[in-house]
Amino acid sequence: MEEKIREELYSKLESEFDSYKKELETLTSKEIIDKSYETTMKEELMCLFYPESQRYDLDEIKALKNEKNSLETLYQGWMDSDLNINQLLEDNTDEIVAELAEEYKTKQSKKKAKER
């Protein structure tokens, strides 16, 4: 029964996301681009609720499933939060750039060694 409820919630979220995408089809290209962040975040939020996920307990799943527009509720909750996605991006980018710089230095050292 628990698995069925999780599947029902995920199906509901998918249906809401599909409806959202259909609404996007009525917009201009600029309006669609302006909504790209919302689209991405809604898709990511939806992924948190794969039926196989045990991240949320059954009461939490039922409560969310009971919402009229669950996906919009999740998105608005994200937008109202004080969390900053930029910090995650900065941390990840710092790691990538540091790794690239280290690889570059190694390549330059090898290149100089060959030139000698």
N, C-alpha and C. Protein backbone atom coordinates (compact mmCIF):
# COMPACT_ATOMS: atom_id res chain seq x y z
N MET A 1 0.82 -1.19 0.00
CA MET A 1 0.00 0.00 0.00
C MET A 1 0.88 1.27 0.00
N GLU A 2 1.94 1.26 0.81
CA GLU A 2 2.81 2.43 0.87
C GLU A 2 3.42 2.72 -0.50
N GLU A 3 3.88 1.68 -1.17
CA GLU A 3 4.47 1.85 -2.49
C GLU A 3 3.45 2.45 -3.46
N LYS A 4 2.20 2.01 -3.35
CA LYS A 4 1.14 2.51 -4.23
C LYS A 4 0.92 4.01 -4.01
N ILE A 5 0.92 4.44 -2.76
CA ILE A 5 0.72 5.85 -2.44
C ILE A 5 1.88 6.69 -2.98
N ARG A 6 3.08 6.17 -2.84
CA ARG A 6 4.25 6.88 -3.38
C ARG A 6 4.15 6.99 -4.90
N GLU A 7 3.73 5.93 -5.54
CA GLU A 7 3.55 5.94 -7.00
C GLU A 7 2.46 6.93 -7.41
N GLU A 8 1.38 6.97 -6.64
CA GLU A 8 0.29 7.91 -6.94
C GLU A 8 0.77 9.35 -6.84
N LEU A 9 1.55 9.66 -5.81
CA LEU A 9 2.08 11.02 -5.67
C LEU A 9 2.98 11.35 -6.84
N TYR A 10 3.87 10.45 -7.20
CA TYR A 10 4.78 10.72 -8.30
C TYR A 10 4.00 10.92 -9.61
N SER A 11 3.00 10.11 -9.83
CA SER A 11 2.16 10.26 -11.02
C SER A 11 1.45 11.61 -11.02
N LYS A 12 1.00 12.02 -9.86
CA LYS A 12 0.35 13.33 -9.73
C LYS A 12 1.33 14.45 -10.07
N LEU A 13 2.54 14.36 -9.54
CA LEU A 13 3.57 15.36 -9.83
C LEU A 13 3.90 15.38 -11.32
N GLU A 14 4.01 14.21 -11.92
CA GLU A 14 4.28 14.14 -13.36
C GLU A 14 3.16 14.79 -14.16
N SER A 15 1.95 14.51 -13.77
CA SER A 15 0.79 15.09 -14.46
C SER A 15 0.79 16.62 -14.34
N GLU A 16 1.08 17.11 -13.15
CA GLU A 16 1.14 18.55 -12.93
C GLU A 16 2.28 19.17 -13.76
N PHE A 17 3.41 18.47 -13.84
CA PHE A 17 4.53 18.98 -14.63
C PHE A 17 4.17 18.98 -16.11
N ASP A 18 3.50 17.94 -16.57
CA ASP A 18 3.06 17.89 -17.97
C ASP A 18 2.10 19.03 -18.29
N SER A 19 1.19 19.32 -17.37
CA SER A 19 0.27 20.45 -17.57
C SER A 19 1.03 21.77 -17.62
N TYR A 20 2.00 21.91 -16.74
CA TYR A 20 2.84 23.11 -16.72
C TYR A 20 3.54 23.27 -18.08
N LYS A 21 4.10 22.17 -18.61
CA LYS A 21 4.79 22.24 -19.90
C LYS A 21 3.83 22.60 -21.03
N LYS A 22 2.61 22.10 -20.95
CA LYS A 22 1.61 22.46 -21.98
C LYS A 22 1.30 23.95 -21.93
N GLU A 23 1.25 24.51 -20.72
CA GLU A 23 1.05 25.96 -20.57
C GLU A 23 2.21 26.73 -21.20
N LEU A 24 3.41 26.20 -21.05
CA LEU A 24 4.58 26.85 -21.64
C LEU A 24 4.45 26.95 -23.16
N GLU A 25 3.84 25.96 -23.76
CA GLU A 25 3.69 25.93 -25.22
C GLU A 25 2.87 27.11 -25.74
N THR A 26 2.09 27.73 -24.88
CA THR A 26 1.27 28.87 -25.29
C THR A 26 2.00 30.20 -25.17
N LEU A 27 3.22 30.17 -24.63
CA LEU A 27 3.96 31.39 -24.36
C LEU A 27 4.90 31.73 -25.51
N THR A 28 5.38 32.95 -25.49
CA THR A 28 6.39 33.36 -26.47
C THR A 28 7.73 32.75 -26.09
N SER A 29 8.66 32.77 -27.02
CA SER A 29 10.00 32.24 -26.75
C SER A 29 10.63 32.94 -25.56
N LYS A 30 10.51 34.25 -25.49
CA LYS A 30 11.09 35.00 -24.37
C LYS A 30 10.46 34.59 -23.05
N GLU A 31 9.15 34.43 -23.02
CA GLU A 31 8.47 34.03 -21.79
C GLU A 31 8.91 32.63 -21.35
N ILE A 32 9.11 31.75 -22.31
CA ILE A 32 9.57 30.40 -21.99
C ILE A 32 10.97 30.46 -21.40
N ILE A 33 11.83 31.26 -22.01
CA ILE A 33 13.19 31.41 -21.48
C ILE A 33 13.15 31.98 -20.07
N ASP A 34 12.28 32.96 -19.86
CA ASP A 34 12.16 33.57 -18.53
C ASP A 34 11.70 32.55 -17.47
N LYS A 35 11.01 31.52 -17.91
CA LYS A 35 10.52 30.50 -16.98
C LYS A 35 11.45 29.29 -16.89
N SER A 36 12.61 29.37 -17.49
CA SER A 36 13.50 28.21 -17.52
C SER A 36 13.95 27.79 -16.11
N TYR A 37 14.19 28.74 -15.23
CA TYR A 37 14.57 28.40 -13.86
C TYR A 37 13.44 27.63 -13.18
N GLU A 38 12.23 28.14 -13.32
CA GLU A 38 11.07 27.48 -12.72
C GLU A 38 10.92 26.05 -13.25
N THR A 39 11.10 25.90 -14.55
CA THR A 39 10.99 24.58 -15.17
C THR A 39 12.02 23.63 -14.60
N THR A 40 13.25 24.09 -14.52
CA THR A 40 14.33 23.25 -13.99
C THR A 40 14.08 22.87 -12.54
N MET A 41 13.69 23.83 -11.73
CA MET A 41 13.48 23.56 -10.32
C MET A 41 12.31 22.61 -10.11
N LYS A 42 11.24 22.78 -10.87
CA LYS A 42 10.09 21.88 -10.73
C LYS A 42 10.48 20.46 -11.11
N GLU A 43 11.28 20.32 -12.14
CA GLU A 43 11.72 18.99 -12.55
C GLU A 43 12.61 18.37 -11.46
N GLU A 44 13.49 19.15 -10.88
CA GLU A 44 14.35 18.64 -9.81
C GLU A 44 13.53 18.28 -8.56
N LEU A 45 12.57 19.12 -8.23
CA LEU A 45 11.72 18.84 -7.07
C LEU A 45 10.96 17.53 -7.28
N MET A 46 10.44 17.35 -8.47
CA MET A 46 9.70 16.14 -8.79
C MET A 46 10.57 14.90 -8.58
N CYS A 47 11.83 15.00 -8.95
CA CYS A 47 12.75 13.86 -8.83
C CYS A 47 12.97 13.43 -7.38
N LEU A 48 12.74 14.31 -6.44
CA LEU A 48 12.90 13.95 -5.03
C LEU A 48 11.86 12.93 -4.58
N PHE A 49 10.83 12.75 -5.40
CA PHE A 49 9.71 11.91 -4.99
C PHE A 49 9.54 10.67 -5.85
N TYR A 50 10.65 10.18 -6.45
CA TYR A 50 10.58 8.90 -7.14
C TYR A 50 9.94 7.89 -6.19
N PRO A 51 9.07 7.04 -6.69
CA PRO A 51 8.40 6.07 -5.81
C PRO A 51 9.36 5.20 -4.99
N GLU A 52 10.55 4.93 -5.52
CA GLU A 52 11.51 4.09 -4.82
C GLU A 52 12.19 4.83 -3.66
N SER A 53 12.09 6.13 -3.65
CA SER A 53 12.76 6.93 -2.62
C SER A 53 12.05 6.76 -1.28
N GLN A 54 12.83 6.65 -0.25
CA GLN A 54 12.30 6.54 1.11
C GLN A 54 12.62 7.81 1.91
N ARG A 55 12.91 8.88 1.21
CA ARG A 55 13.32 10.13 1.85
C ARG A 55 12.23 10.69 2.76
N TYR A 56 10.99 10.54 2.35
CA TYR A 56 9.87 11.10 3.11
C TYR A 56 9.00 9.97 3.64
N ASP A 57 8.48 10.16 4.86
CA ASP A 57 7.63 9.10 5.41
C ASP A 57 6.23 9.17 4.80
N LEU A 58 5.45 8.17 5.09
CA LEU A 58 4.14 8.02 4.46
C LEU A 58 3.21 9.20 4.76
N ASP A 59 3.23 9.72 5.98
CA ASP A 59 2.38 10.86 6.31
C ASP A 59 2.78 12.09 5.49
N GLU A 60 4.07 12.29 5.28
CA GLU A 60 4.53 13.42 4.46
C GLU A 60 4.08 13.25 3.01
N ILE A 61 4.17 12.03 2.51
CA ILE A 61 3.73 11.74 1.15
C ILE A 61 2.23 12.00 1.00
N LYS A 62 1.47 11.51 1.96
CA LYS A 62 0.01 11.71 1.93
C LYS A 62 -0.35 13.19 1.99
N ALA A 63 0.33 13.93 2.85
CA ALA A 63 0.05 15.36 3.00
C ALA A 63 0.33 16.10 1.70
N LEU A 64 1.44 15.80 1.06
CA LEU A 64 1.76 16.44 -0.20
C LEU A 64 0.79 16.02 -1.29
N LYS A 65 0.45 14.75 -1.32
CA LYS A 65 -0.50 14.24 -2.31
C LYS A 65 -1.85 14.92 -2.17
N ASN A 66 -2.19 15.31 -0.95
CA ASN A 66 -3.47 15.93 -0.66
C ASN A 66 -3.55 17.39 -1.13
N GLU A 67 -2.41 18.00 -1.38
CA GLU A 67 -2.38 19.39 -1.86
C GLU A 67 -3.03 19.49 -3.24
N LYS A 68 -3.69 20.59 -3.50
CA LYS A 68 -4.35 20.78 -4.80
C LYS A 68 -3.33 20.76 -5.94
N ASN A 69 -2.27 21.55 -5.81
CA ASN A 69 -1.22 21.58 -6.82
C ASN A 69 0.12 21.37 -6.11
N SER A 70 0.43 20.11 -5.89
CA SER A 70 1.60 19.73 -5.09
C SER A 70 2.90 20.29 -5.62
N LEU A 71 3.09 20.22 -6.91
CA LEU A 71 4.35 20.68 -7.49
C LEU A 71 4.51 22.19 -7.33
N GLU A 72 3.45 22.92 -7.54
CA GLU A 72 3.50 24.38 -7.36
C GLU A 72 3.75 24.73 -5.89
N THR A 73 3.15 23.97 -4.98
CA THR A 73 3.38 24.18 -3.55
C THR A 73 4.85 23.99 -3.21
N LEU A 74 5.46 22.93 -3.76
CA LEU A 74 6.88 22.69 -3.52
C LEU A 74 7.73 23.81 -4.10
N TYR A 75 7.40 24.23 -5.32
CA TYR A 75 8.18 25.29 -5.97
C TYR A 75 8.07 26.60 -5.19
N GLN A 76 6.87 26.97 -4.81
CA GLN A 76 6.69 28.22 -4.06
C GLN A 76 7.40 28.16 -2.71
N GLY A 77 7.39 26.98 -2.10
CA GLY A 77 8.14 26.80 -0.84
C GLY A 77 9.62 27.03 -1.05
N TRP A 78 10.15 26.52 -2.17
CA TRP A 78 11.56 26.74 -2.50
C TRP A 78 11.82 28.22 -2.71
N MET A 79 10.95 28.88 -3.46
CA MET A 79 11.14 30.30 -3.76
C MET A 79 11.06 31.16 -2.50
N ASP A 80 10.27 30.74 -1.53
CA ASP A 80 10.11 31.50 -0.28
C ASP A 80 11.21 31.20 0.73
N SER A 81 12.03 30.20 0.46
CA SER A 81 13.05 29.81 1.44
C SER A 81 14.25 30.77 1.38
N ASP A 82 15.05 30.68 2.41
CA ASP A 82 16.26 31.51 2.48
C ASP A 82 17.48 30.80 1.89
N LEU A 83 17.27 29.61 1.34
CA LEU A 83 18.40 28.85 0.80
C LEU A 83 18.91 29.52 -0.46
N ASN A 84 20.18 29.30 -0.75
CA ASN A 84 20.81 29.96 -1.87
C ASN A 84 21.48 28.92 -2.76
N ILE A 85 20.92 28.69 -3.93
CA ILE A 85 21.49 27.71 -4.86
C ILE A 85 22.85 28.19 -5.37
N ASN A 86 23.07 29.48 -5.34
CA ASN A 86 24.34 30.03 -5.79
C ASN A 86 25.51 29.47 -4.98
N GLN A 87 25.33 29.27 -3.69
CA GLN A 87 26.42 28.75 -2.87
C GLN A 87 26.82 27.35 -3.33
N LEU A 88 25.83 26.54 -3.66
CA LEU A 88 26.12 25.20 -4.18
C LEU A 88 26.87 25.28 -5.50
N LEU A 89 26.43 26.17 -6.38
CA LEU A 89 27.09 26.34 -7.67
C LEU A 89 28.52 26.84 -7.49
N GLU A 90 28.70 27.81 -6.59
CA GLU A 90 30.03 28.35 -6.35
C GLU A 90 30.97 27.27 -5.81
N ASP A 91 30.50 26.50 -4.85
CA ASP A 91 31.33 25.44 -4.26
C ASP A 91 31.74 24.43 -5.33
N ASN A 92 30.78 24.00 -6.13
CA ASN A 92 31.06 23.03 -7.18
C ASN A 92 32.01 23.61 -8.22
N THR A 93 31.76 24.84 -8.63
CA THR A 93 32.61 25.49 -9.63
C THR A 93 34.02 25.68 -9.10
N ASP A 94 34.16 26.05 -7.84
CA ASP A 94 35.49 26.19 -7.23
C ASP A 94 36.27 24.88 -7.32
N GLU A 95 35.60 23.77 -7.04
CA GLU A 95 36.26 22.46 -7.12
C GLU A 95 36.70 22.15 -8.55
N ILE A 96 35.82 22.37 -9.50
CA ILE A 96 36.13 22.08 -10.91
C ILE A 96 37.30 22.93 -11.39
N VAL A 97 37.24 24.23 -11.11
CA VAL A 97 38.29 25.13 -11.56
C VAL A 97 39.63 24.77 -10.90
N ALA A 98 39.61 24.43 -9.64
CA ALA A 98 40.84 24.03 -8.95
C ALA A 98 41.44 22.77 -9.59
N GLU A 99 40.58 21.80 -9.91
CA GLU A 99 41.06 20.57 -10.57
C GLU A 99 41.64 20.89 -11.94
N LEU A 100 40.96 21.73 -12.70
CA LEU A 100 41.45 22.11 -14.03
C LEU A 100 42.79 22.85 -13.93
N ALA A 101 42.90 23.73 -12.96
CA ALA A 101 44.15 24.47 -12.78
C ALA A 101 45.29 23.52 -12.43
N GLU A 102 45.01 22.53 -11.60
CA GLU A 102 46.04 21.56 -11.23
C GLU A 102 46.47 20.75 -12.45
N GLU A 103 45.51 20.31 -13.25
CA GLU A 103 45.82 19.57 -14.49
C GLU A 103 46.63 20.45 -15.45
N TYR A 104 46.26 21.70 -15.55
CA TYR A 104 46.97 22.64 -16.43
C TYR A 104 48.42 22.79 -15.99
N LYS A 105 48.62 22.98 -14.69
CA LYS A 105 49.98 23.13 -14.16
C LYS A 105 50.82 21.88 -14.44
N THR A 106 50.20 20.72 -14.27
CA THR A 106 50.90 19.46 -14.53
C THR A 106 51.30 19.37 -15.99
N LYS A 107 50.39 19.71 -16.89
CA LYS A 107 50.69 19.67 -18.33
C LYS A 107 51.79 20.66 -18.69
N GLN A 108 51.73 21.85 -18.11
CA GLN A 108 52.76 22.85 -18.37
C GLN A 108 54.13 22.41 -17.89
N SER A 109 54.16 21.77 -16.73
CA SER A 109 55.43 21.26 -16.18
C SER A 109 56.01 20.19 -17.10
N LYS A 110 55.16 19.30 -17.57
CA LYS A 110 55.62 18.24 -18.49
C LYS A 110 56.10 18.83 -19.80
N LYS A 111 55.40 19.84 -20.29
CA LYS A 111 55.77 20.49 -21.55
C LYS A 111 57.15 21.16 -21.40
N LYS A 112 57.37 21.85 -20.30
CA LYS A 112 58.66 22.50 -20.05
C LYS A 112 59.77 21.49 -19.92
N ALA A 113 59.45 20.36 -19.28
CA ALA A 113 60.46 19.31 -19.10
C ALA A 113 60.88 18.72 -20.45
N LYS A 114 59.94 18.58 -21.37
CA LYS A 114 60.25 18.05 -22.71
C LYS A 114 61.09 19.04 -23.50
N GLU A 115 60.87 20.32 -23.30
CA GLU A 115 61.58 21.36 -24.04
C GLU A 115 63.05 21.44 -23.62
N ARG A 116 63.36 20.95 -22.48
CA ARG A 116 64.75 21.02 -21.96
C ARG A 116 65.59 20.00 -22.57
